[in-house]
């Protein structure tokens, strides 16, 4: 029996937890390879620049802010998010330019590059959580069923947090012929979930693998890892460079701003498109996620300091993972991009576009969100400490 007086008990709900949700810890030869990594020291992976990975205030204080009624209202759409219902027709014809990008929500992006298909951080699950009944829930449905996407040549995972490495999605993809490119240690999760070892390419930073004639390189990022309470820092996090014969793209994964973007750009850029994380930022964890202003700076660093290629903002509008309004990253990115003279694409979730063609630029979120103050036009927003006008001194040194 169900209803308000017959809700499942906590014990019943805990029993419904996905049994393999936490994945597996690296061991054996995989753990030995981790210990030999130059990025692993004193039993944990290290960031290229120091980073505080936990909120700067006690969790109970953060929870009071996060669950405040007025904050909850701002963090949810006021109506239905306008998802583009992606169809096979959208994806069946080859892109005229040789490069097409389809943002599927959050950090999930299908990139069709020089005749190959690469799927970044695919998350089709309803919640990014080990529980089916709790945790951040999608603000919009997936634009198309995973099975309707058709075959992909490579699945790229940036790190093992739940909003980037999704158990039901990986289990579904395990039954295909796709090859997985992942950072060191993450292969243990995939093998636990049924992906054959011979379809896993596990890379340290600045290592490259070839899949179906394109190169995939794991590059540094400033973040952290972990799926369980122990959070042993035994799996690496990474950004990714994918290069074909004629095009190259960059996916940031999750990262705080750091000087390494310039080195990545000098070594592997410039890029026809960058997919840059600009959501879930907060003054309480400034080292591990980027604001829109920092995202613009990172893009320009990657491109040698000049506007070039197209920036696709990712990691926003799909899950509530920070106190800021759900659509704020998109709104603030419109200002940051215009200030820098940098082309920025704002597709609806599921809307394909070619970086060399006409870009989707309509601020579609405004129809279903409360008015959002612009950071350098509103003293109140500046006082919130999230994005300040001086952060967009794009020509200066940080």
Protein backbone atom coordinates (compact mmCIF):
# COMPACT_ATOMS: atom_id res chain seq x y z
CA UNK A 1 0.00 0.00 0.00
CA UNK A 2 1.21 3.50 -0.81
CA UNK A 3 0.08 7.00 0.02
CA UNK A 4 0.93 9.73 2.52
CA UNK A 5 0.39 7.42 5.49
CA UNK A 6 2.28 4.49 4.00
CA UNK A 7 5.59 5.90 2.77
CA UNK A 8 8.41 3.36 2.43
CA UNK A 9 10.60 3.27 5.50
CA UNK A 10 14.20 4.46 5.37
CA UNK A 11 15.31 0.86 5.75
CA UNK A 12 13.20 -0.16 2.75
CA UNK A 13 14.58 2.70 0.73
CA UNK A 14 18.15 1.85 1.64
CA UNK A 15 17.53 -1.68 0.44
CA UNK A 16 16.57 -0.22 -2.94
CA UNK A 17 19.98 1.42 -3.32
CA UNK A 18 21.83 0.29 -6.39
CA UNK A 19 24.15 -2.39 -4.97
CA UNK A 20 27.07 -1.51 -7.25
CA UNK A 21 26.62 2.25 -7.08
CA UNK A 22 29.88 2.94 -5.26
CA UNK A 23 31.86 1.07 -7.90
CA UNK A 24 35.13 -0.62 -7.04
CA UNK A 25 38.47 0.44 -5.57
CA UNK A 26 41.56 -0.02 -7.75
CA UNK A 27 43.75 -2.96 -6.78
CA UNK A 28 46.49 -5.20 -8.12
CA UNK A 29 48.26 -4.05 -11.28
CA UNK A 30 45.91 -1.09 -11.62
CA UNK A 31 46.81 0.14 -8.13
CA UNK A 32 50.49 -0.38 -8.83
CA UNK A 33 50.22 1.79 -11.91
CA UNK A 34 48.51 4.46 -9.83
CA UNK A 35 51.31 4.38 -7.24
CA UNK A 36 53.84 4.90 -10.03
CA UNK A 37 52.05 7.95 -11.41
CA UNK A 38 53.97 11.24 -11.04
CA UNK A 39 50.65 12.77 -10.01
CA UNK A 40 50.21 10.40 -7.03
CA UNK A 41 51.96 11.12 -3.75
CA UNK A 42 51.45 10.22 -0.09
CA UNK A 43 48.64 7.85 -0.98
CA UNK A 44 46.47 10.23 -3.03
CA UNK A 45 46.31 11.94 -6.41
CA UNK A 46 47.41 15.57 -6.27
CA UNK A 47 46.11 18.63 -8.07
CA UNK A 48 48.43 20.57 -10.40
CA UNK A 49 47.83 23.54 -8.08
CA UNK A 50 46.64 23.30 -4.49
CA UNK A 51 42.88 23.13 -4.08
CA UNK A 52 40.48 23.04 -1.17
CA UNK A 53 38.07 20.26 -2.06
CA UNK A 54 35.57 20.64 0.78
CA UNK A 55 33.22 23.58 1.51
CA UNK A 56 34.88 26.36 3.48
CA UNK A 57 32.05 26.36 6.03
CA UNK A 58 30.64 23.49 8.16
CA UNK A 59 28.26 21.28 6.21
CA UNK A 60 25.38 22.05 8.57
CA UNK A 61 25.78 25.76 7.84
CA UNK A 62 25.98 25.11 4.12
CA UNK A 63 22.83 22.98 4.31
CA UNK A 64 20.95 25.87 5.92
CA UNK A 65 21.85 28.06 2.96
CA UNK A 66 21.26 25.38 0.33
CA UNK A 67 17.81 24.38 1.60
CA UNK A 68 16.55 27.89 2.37
CA UNK A 69 13.08 28.24 0.82
CA UNK A 70 13.84 31.27 -1.33
CA UNK A 71 17.03 29.61 -2.56
CA UNK A 72 15.17 26.45 -3.57
CA UNK A 73 12.75 28.51 -5.66
CA UNK A 74 15.59 30.22 -7.54
CA UNK A 75 17.32 26.89 -8.18
CA UNK A 76 14.39 25.41 -10.12
CA UNK A 77 12.84 26.40 -13.45
CA UNK A 78 9.51 28.23 -13.26
CA UNK A 79 8.22 26.11 -16.14
CA UNK A 80 9.23 23.32 -18.47
CA UNK A 81 12.80 23.56 -19.75
CA UNK A 82 12.62 23.77 -23.57
CA UNK A 83 14.43 20.59 -24.58
CA UNK A 84 15.17 19.99 -28.25
CA UNK A 85 13.74 16.57 -29.03
CA UNK A 86 16.81 15.18 -30.78
CA UNK A 87 15.95 12.69 -33.50
CA UNK A 88 17.89 10.25 -35.63
CA UNK A 89 17.34 12.70 -38.51
CA UNK A 90 19.30 15.32 -36.57
CA UNK A 91 22.27 13.00 -36.25
CA UNK A 92 22.07 10.72 -39.29
CA UNK A 93 23.50 13.06 -41.91
CA UNK A 94 27.20 13.80 -41.55
CA UNK A 95 28.03 17.37 -40.46
CA UNK A 96 28.83 19.51 -43.47
CA UNK A 97 31.88 21.01 -41.76
CA UNK A 98 33.13 17.73 -40.32
CA UNK A 99 32.39 18.81 -36.74
CA UNK A 100 29.04 18.83 -34.95
CA UNK A 101 28.39 19.19 -31.22
CA UNK A 102 25.23 18.17 -29.35
CA UNK A 103 24.91 19.20 -25.70
CA UNK A 104 22.69 16.64 -23.99
CA UNK A 105 22.51 18.41 -20.64
CA UNK A 106 24.98 18.92 -17.77
CA UNK A 107 28.40 17.71 -19.01
CA UNK A 108 27.08 15.12 -21.47
CA UNK A 109 28.08 16.04 -25.02
CA UNK A 110 28.04 14.07 -28.26
CA UNK A 111 30.85 15.27 -30.53
CA UNK A 112 30.92 14.13 -34.16
CA UNK A 113 34.44 14.82 -35.33
CA UNK A 114 35.94 13.89 -38.68
CA UNK A 115 33.65 10.92 -39.20
CA UNK A 116 33.84 9.61 -35.62
CA UNK A 117 31.46 9.92 -32.68
CA UNK A 118 32.69 10.68 -29.16
CA UNK A 119 30.35 10.82 -26.17
CA UNK A 120 31.59 12.75 -23.13
CA UNK A 121 30.39 12.08 -19.56
CA UNK A 122 27.08 10.42 -20.51
CA UNK A 123 24.46 10.68 -17.75
CA UNK A 124 20.96 9.45 -18.56
CA UNK A 125 20.00 8.62 -14.97
CA UNK A 126 17.18 10.46 -13.21
CA UNK A 127 19.38 11.32 -10.22
CA UNK A 128 23.12 11.81 -9.82
CA UNK A 129 23.23 9.77 -6.64
CA UNK A 130 23.81 6.22 -5.40
CA UNK A 131 20.15 6.20 -4.33
CA UNK A 132 17.09 5.90 -6.53
CA UNK A 133 14.99 7.94 -4.07
CA UNK A 134 17.31 10.78 -3.04
CA UNK A 135 19.92 13.11 -4.45
CA UNK A 136 19.89 15.81 -7.13
CA UNK A 137 17.14 15.12 -9.67
CA UNK A 138 17.08 16.16 -13.30
CA UNK A 139 15.51 19.53 -14.11
CA UNK A 140 14.71 18.31 -17.61
CA UNK A 141 14.47 14.89 -19.29
CA UNK A 142 17.24 13.51 -21.45
CA UNK A 143 16.71 14.86 -24.98
CA UNK A 144 16.62 11.38 -26.51
CA UNK A 145 16.76 7.77 -25.29
CA UNK A 146 20.28 6.43 -25.04
CA UNK A 147 19.40 3.55 -27.36
CA UNK A 148 18.23 6.02 -30.01
CA UNK A 149 21.61 7.72 -30.25
CA UNK A 150 23.14 5.00 -32.37
CA UNK A 151 26.69 3.64 -32.08
CA UNK A 152 29.52 5.77 -30.72
CA UNK A 153 33.21 5.10 -31.26
CA UNK A 154 34.39 6.29 -27.85
CA UNK A 155 32.93 7.17 -24.47
CA UNK A 156 35.10 9.59 -22.51
CA UNK A 157 34.77 9.96 -18.73
CA UNK A 158 36.31 12.95 -16.95
CA UNK A 159 36.10 11.61 -13.37
CA UNK A 160 34.03 9.36 -11.16
CA UNK A 161 31.56 11.74 -9.47
CA UNK A 162 27.92 10.71 -9.85
CA UNK A 163 26.99 13.56 -12.19
CA UNK A 164 29.70 12.42 -14.64
CA UNK A 165 29.87 8.65 -14.19
CA UNK A 166 26.36 7.22 -14.11
CA UNK A 167 25.87 3.55 -13.23
CA UNK A 168 22.73 2.78 -15.32
CA UNK A 169 24.15 4.62 -18.33
CA UNK A 170 27.47 2.79 -18.20
CA UNK A 171 25.73 -0.56 -17.78
CA UNK A 172 23.68 0.16 -20.90
CA UNK A 173 26.78 1.17 -22.87
CA UNK A 174 28.69 -1.88 -21.62
CA UNK A 175 26.61 -3.99 -23.98
CA UNK A 176 27.77 -2.06 -27.04
CA UNK A 177 31.06 -2.14 -28.93
CA UNK A 178 32.19 1.31 -27.79
CA UNK A 179 35.63 1.88 -26.26
CA UNK A 180 35.94 3.80 -22.99
CA UNK A 181 38.68 6.36 -22.37
CA UNK A 182 38.98 7.14 -18.64
CA UNK A 183 41.47 8.56 -16.14
CA UNK A 184 43.64 6.25 -14.04
CA UNK A 185 41.68 4.14 -11.57
CA UNK A 186 38.23 4.75 -13.08
CA UNK A 187 38.50 1.51 -15.04
CA UNK A 188 37.87 -0.39 -11.79
CA UNK A 189 34.33 1.00 -11.67
CA UNK A 190 33.69 0.13 -15.31
CA UNK A 191 34.89 -3.45 -14.96
CA UNK A 192 32.68 -3.85 -11.89
CA UNK A 193 29.73 -2.75 -14.03
CA UNK A 194 30.36 -5.13 -16.89
CA UNK A 195 32.67 -3.31 -19.30
CA UNK A 196 35.30 -5.75 -20.65
CA UNK A 197 38.86 -4.80 -19.76
CA UNK A 198 39.91 -4.83 -23.42
CA UNK A 199 37.47 -1.96 -24.13
CA UNK A 200 38.93 0.31 -21.45
CA UNK A 201 41.79 2.74 -22.11
CA UNK A 202 43.00 4.13 -18.78
CA UNK A 203 45.21 7.21 -18.99
CA UNK A 204 47.34 9.39 -16.77
CA UNK A 205 47.62 13.10 -17.50
CA UNK A 206 49.24 13.85 -20.87
CA UNK A 207 48.90 10.27 -22.07
CA UNK A 208 47.23 9.66 -25.43
CA UNK A 209 45.33 6.76 -26.92
CA UNK A 210 44.13 6.19 -30.47
CA UNK A 211 40.55 5.06 -31.03
CA UNK A 212 39.05 4.66 -34.52
CA UNK A 213 41.65 6.95 -36.06
CA UNK A 214 41.33 9.86 -33.62
CA UNK A 215 43.52 10.70 -30.65
CA UNK A 216 42.24 11.18 -27.12
CA UNK A 217 44.52 12.78 -24.53
CA UNK A 218 43.88 13.07 -20.81
CA UNK A 219 45.01 16.52 -19.65
CA UNK A 220 45.25 18.02 -16.15
CA UNK A 221 42.31 19.48 -14.24
CA UNK A 222 41.90 20.96 -10.75
CA UNK A 223 39.26 18.91 -8.97
CA UNK A 224 38.94 15.70 -6.91
CA UNK A 225 37.33 12.27 -7.06
CA UNK A 226 35.36 9.69 -5.12
CA UNK A 227 32.00 7.92 -5.02
CA UNK A 228 31.85 6.79 -1.39
CA UNK A 229 32.25 8.25 2.06
CA UNK A 230 35.86 7.13 2.15
CA UNK A 231 36.83 9.17 -0.93
CA UNK A 232 40.32 7.70 -1.07
CA UNK A 233 41.54 9.89 -3.94
CA UNK A 234 42.64 6.72 -5.75
CA UNK A 235 41.00 7.68 -9.05
CA UNK A 236 42.25 10.51 -11.21
CA UNK A 237 40.23 13.39 -12.67
CA UNK A 238 41.01 14.87 -16.07
CA UNK A 239 40.09 17.22 -18.86
CA UNK A 240 40.29 15.80 -22.40
CA UNK A 241 41.60 16.75 -25.82
CA UNK A 242 40.15 14.92 -28.83
CA UNK A 243 41.85 15.45 -32.19
CA UNK A 244 40.93 14.14 -35.61
CA UNK A 245 42.67 14.73 -38.93
CA UNK A 246 40.98 18.12 -39.39
CA UNK A 247 39.46 19.22 -36.08
CA UNK A 248 40.20 19.26 -32.38
CA UNK A 249 38.02 19.84 -29.33
CA UNK A 250 38.53 20.21 -25.58
CA UNK A 251 36.26 19.04 -22.73
CA UNK A 252 37.11 20.48 -19.32
CA UNK A 253 35.38 17.93 -17.10
CA UNK A 254 35.10 19.56 -13.68
CA UNK A 255 37.87 21.96 -12.73
CA UNK A 256 38.74 25.12 -10.94
CA UNK A 257 40.66 27.76 -12.82
CA UNK A 258 44.43 27.15 -12.92
CA UNK A 259 47.44 28.23 -14.93
CA UNK A 260 47.68 24.86 -16.68
CA UNK A 261 45.09 25.88 -19.26
CA UNK A 262 47.78 27.87 -21.04
CA UNK A 263 50.07 24.86 -21.13
CA UNK A 264 47.30 22.64 -22.48
CA UNK A 265 46.50 25.20 -25.16
CA UNK A 266 50.14 25.59 -26.15
CA UNK A 267 50.65 21.81 -26.39
CA UNK A 268 47.36 20.70 -27.97
CA UNK A 269 45.44 23.78 -29.18
CA UNK A 270 44.00 25.83 -30.59
CA UNK A 271 40.57 24.20 -30.63
CA UNK A 272 37.58 24.42 -32.92
CA UNK A 273 35.34 24.07 -29.86
CA UNK A 274 35.80 23.95 -26.12
CA UNK A 275 33.27 22.51 -23.69
CA UNK A 276 33.86 24.42 -20.47
CA UNK A 277 32.37 23.80 -17.01
CA UNK A 278 30.73 26.99 -15.76
CA UNK A 279 28.09 25.79 -13.27
CA UNK A 280 27.94 24.57 -9.66
CA UNK A 281 30.41 27.23 -8.56
CA UNK A 282 30.32 28.78 -5.12
CA UNK A 283 32.32 31.06 -2.89
CA UNK A 284 32.37 28.08 -0.51
CA UNK A 285 34.49 25.95 -2.92
CA UNK A 286 36.25 28.41 -5.27
CA UNK A 287 39.10 26.05 -6.21
CA UNK A 288 37.24 23.17 -7.85
CA UNK A 289 34.57 24.72 -10.11
CA UNK A 290 34.71 27.75 -12.40
CA UNK A 291 32.44 30.74 -12.65
CA UNK A 292 31.40 31.91 -16.13
CA UNK A 293 34.05 34.64 -15.99
CA UNK A 294 36.71 32.07 -15.14
CA UNK A 295 35.37 29.81 -17.88
CA UNK A 296 35.94 32.56 -20.44
CA UNK A 297 39.45 33.09 -19.10
CA UNK A 298 40.16 29.35 -19.33
CA UNK A 299 38.90 29.25 -22.93
CA UNK A 300 41.13 32.16 -23.92
CA UNK A 301 44.11 30.56 -22.18
CA UNK A 302 43.49 27.40 -24.18
CA UNK A 303 43.33 29.42 -27.40
CA UNK A 304 46.56 31.33 -26.90
CA UNK A 305 44.94 34.38 -25.34
CA UNK A 306 42.76 35.40 -28.30
CA UNK A 307 39.07 34.76 -29.10
CA UNK A 308 39.04 31.66 -31.26
CA UNK A 309 36.78 28.69 -31.81
CA UNK A 310 33.43 28.32 -30.06
CA UNK A 311 32.83 27.95 -26.34
CA UNK A 312 30.02 25.64 -25.23
CA UNK A 313 29.11 26.16 -21.55
CA UNK A 314 28.48 22.85 -19.77
CA UNK A 315 27.72 21.59 -16.25
CA UNK A 316 24.61 23.75 -15.76
CA UNK A 317 20.80 23.70 -16.17
CA UNK A 318 20.34 19.95 -15.52
CA UNK A 319 21.06 19.31 -11.82
CA UNK A 320 21.01 21.58 -8.76
CA UNK A 321 24.47 21.21 -7.24
CA UNK A 322 25.15 24.67 -5.76
CA UNK A 323 23.29 27.58 -4.14
CA UNK A 324 23.20 29.76 -7.27
CA UNK A 325 20.04 30.08 -9.43
CA UNK A 326 19.75 27.24 -11.93
CA UNK A 327 20.03 29.49 -15.01
CA UNK A 328 22.57 31.95 -13.64
CA UNK A 329 25.58 30.39 -15.44
CA UNK A 330 23.91 30.89 -18.82
CA UNK A 331 22.86 34.46 -18.05
CA UNK A 332 26.26 35.49 -16.73
CA UNK A 333 28.05 33.76 -19.59
CA UNK A 334 26.22 35.97 -22.07
CA UNK A 335 27.90 38.98 -20.47
CA UNK A 336 31.32 37.36 -20.11
CA UNK A 337 31.34 36.20 -23.73
CA UNK A 338 30.25 39.59 -25.05
CA UNK A 339 32.87 41.36 -22.93
CA UNK A 340 35.62 39.16 -24.37
CA UNK A 341 34.32 39.17 -27.95
CA UNK A 342 34.24 35.39 -27.72
CA UNK A 343 31.66 33.29 -29.65
CA UNK A 344 29.55 31.31 -27.17
CA UNK A 345 26.93 28.73 -28.13
CA UNK A 346 23.74 28.42 -26.09
CA UNK A 347 21.89 25.41 -27.53
CA UNK A 348 18.84 24.01 -25.87
CA UNK A 349 19.60 20.59 -24.40
CA UNK A 350 19.69 18.20 -27.36
CA UNK A 351 20.10 20.86 -30.06
CA UNK A 352 22.95 19.98 -32.47
CA UNK A 353 25.09 22.72 -33.99
CA UNK A 354 28.24 23.02 -36.06
CA UNK A 355 30.86 25.38 -34.61
CA UNK A 356 31.73 26.52 -38.15
CA UNK A 357 28.09 27.36 -38.91
CA UNK A 358 25.34 29.45 -37.39
CA UNK A 359 25.47 29.26 -33.60
CA UNK A 360 22.45 28.92 -31.31
CA UNK A 361 22.55 32.09 -29.20
CA UNK A 362 18.97 32.64 -27.97
CA UNK A 363 18.83 32.90 -24.14
CA UNK A 364 16.16 30.21 -23.97
CA UNK A 365 16.31 29.92 -20.17
CA UNK A 366 14.76 33.36 -19.62
CA UNK A 367 11.31 32.02 -20.43
CA UNK A 368 11.41 29.65 -17.45
CA UNK A 369 13.55 31.41 -14.84
CA UNK A 370 13.25 34.29 -12.44
CA UNK A 371 15.09 37.48 -13.49
CA UNK A 372 18.79 37.09 -12.75
CA UNK A 373 20.94 40.12 -11.86
CA UNK A 374 24.05 40.56 -13.97
CA UNK A 375 27.17 40.32 -11.81
CA UNK A 376 28.81 43.62 -12.59
CA UNK A 377 25.55 45.51 -12.88
CA UNK A 378 24.24 44.59 -9.44
CA UNK A 379 26.02 45.48 -6.17
CA UNK A 380 24.03 42.75 -4.44
CA UNK A 381 25.38 40.12 -6.84
CA UNK A 382 28.90 41.42 -6.43
CA UNK A 383 28.56 41.33 -2.66
CA UNK A 384 27.58 37.65 -2.91
CA UNK A 385 31.21 36.99 -3.77
CA UNK A 386 30.50 34.71 -6.73
CA UNK A 387 31.57 36.71 -9.81
CA UNK A 388 33.04 40.21 -9.64
CA UNK A 389 33.70 42.61 -12.47
CA UNK A 390 37.45 42.46 -11.98
CA UNK A 391 37.40 38.70 -12.62
CA UNK A 392 36.83 39.48 -16.29
CA UNK A 393 40.01 41.49 -16.76
CA UNK A 394 40.72 38.96 -19.46
CA UNK A 395 43.87 40.57 -20.74
CA UNK A 396 45.53 40.76 -17.31
CA UNK A 397 47.29 38.25 -15.14
CA UNK A 398 45.35 36.35 -12.54
